[in-house]
C-alpha cells in the first residue's frame, strides 16, 4: 500500500481532523483515508456493504429462519 505525506498543514486543520476522527471512532489516519475516498468518489467496499446491511429493515423474525423439524416423515 502507498503512503501520502501532506506537509505544511494548518494546525486548525489537523485539530479538526482529529476531532472528526474521534466523533467517528477511528484514528486520524483512518479518517483521512475515508475523507479522501469520499472526495474522490471511490467505493469503500466492505465498510459500505456493512453500513447498507445495518440500514436494512427487519422483515423477518429470526425464528422464521430455523428449519421446521416437526413435519411428519414417511417411514420406509
Protein backbone atom coordinates (compact mmCIF):
# COMPACT_ATOMS: atom_id res chain seq x y z
CA UNK A 1 0.00 0.00 0.00
CA UNK A 2 1.23 3.50 -0.79
CA UNK A 3 1.83 6.35 1.60
CA UNK A 4 0.96 10.01 1.20
CA UNK A 5 2.69 12.77 3.13
CA UNK A 6 0.96 16.14 3.37
CA UNK A 7 3.23 18.93 4.54
CA UNK A 8 2.52 22.41 5.92
CA UNK A 9 -0.96 21.72 7.22
CA UNK A 10 -2.59 24.43 9.26
CA UNK A 11 -2.80 23.29 12.91
CA UNK A 12 -6.52 24.07 12.85
CA UNK A 13 -6.99 21.56 10.02
CA UNK A 14 -5.11 18.88 11.96
CA UNK A 15 -7.17 19.61 15.08
CA UNK A 16 -10.43 19.43 13.10
CA UNK A 17 -9.34 16.13 11.53
CA UNK A 18 -8.59 14.65 14.96
CA UNK A 19 -11.94 15.83 16.33
CA UNK A 20 -13.82 14.42 13.34
CA UNK A 21 -11.95 11.12 13.68
CA UNK A 22 -12.86 10.90 17.37
CA UNK A 23 -16.53 11.52 16.53
CA UNK A 24 -16.42 8.59 14.09
CA UNK A 25 -14.48 6.35 16.48
CA UNK A 26 -11.39 5.93 14.31
CA UNK A 27 -7.83 7.18 14.09
CA UNK A 28 -6.94 10.43 12.34
CA UNK A 29 -5.17 8.38 9.68
CA UNK A 30 -8.27 6.24 9.05
CA UNK A 31 -10.41 9.38 8.95
CA UNK A 32 -8.04 10.94 6.42
CA UNK A 33 -8.32 7.83 4.21
CA UNK A 34 -12.12 7.95 4.40
CA UNK A 35 -12.23 11.67 3.54
CA UNK A 36 -10.02 11.07 0.50
CA UNK A 37 -12.10 8.05 -0.56
CA UNK A 38 -15.32 10.09 -0.35
CA UNK A 39 -13.83 13.14 -2.07
CA UNK A 40 -12.64 11.02 -4.98
CA UNK A 41 -15.91 9.10 -5.21
CA UNK A 42 -14.26 5.72 -4.61
CA UNK A 43 -16.16 2.72 -3.28
CA UNK A 44 -15.46 2.00 0.36
CA UNK A 45 -16.11 -1.72 -0.28
CA UNK A 46 -16.82 -3.78 2.82
CA UNK A 47 -17.46 -0.74 5.01
CA UNK A 48 -20.19 0.47 2.64
CA UNK A 49 -21.71 -3.01 2.49
CA UNK A 50 -21.73 -3.26 6.29
CA UNK A 51 -23.46 0.13 6.50
CA UNK A 52 -26.00 -0.97 3.90
CA UNK A 53 -26.78 -4.17 5.79
CA UNK A 54 -27.15 -2.28 9.05
CA UNK A 55 -29.63 0.12 7.44
CA UNK A 56 -31.91 -2.65 6.14
CA UNK A 57 -35.20 -3.01 7.99
CA UNK A 58 -36.07 -6.25 9.76
CA UNK A 59 -38.59 -8.02 7.54
CA UNK A 60 -38.40 -11.49 9.04
CA UNK A 61 -38.09 -12.85 12.56
CA UNK A 62 -35.05 -14.94 13.44
CA UNK A 63 -37.22 -17.90 14.45
CA UNK A 64 -38.68 -17.99 10.91
CA UNK A 65 -35.23 -18.91 9.60
CA UNK A 66 -34.97 -22.09 11.67
CA UNK A 67 -35.63 -25.38 9.87
CA UNK A 68 -39.00 -27.00 10.54
CA UNK A 69 -38.44 -30.26 12.40
CA UNK A 70 -41.98 -31.27 13.37
CA UNK A 71 -43.31 -32.32 9.95
CA UNK A 72 -44.38 -35.95 9.58
CA UNK A 73 -41.92 -38.17 7.74
CA UNK A 74 -42.61 -41.15 5.52
CA UNK A 75 -41.40 -44.39 7.09
CA UNK A 76 -39.96 -46.77 4.50
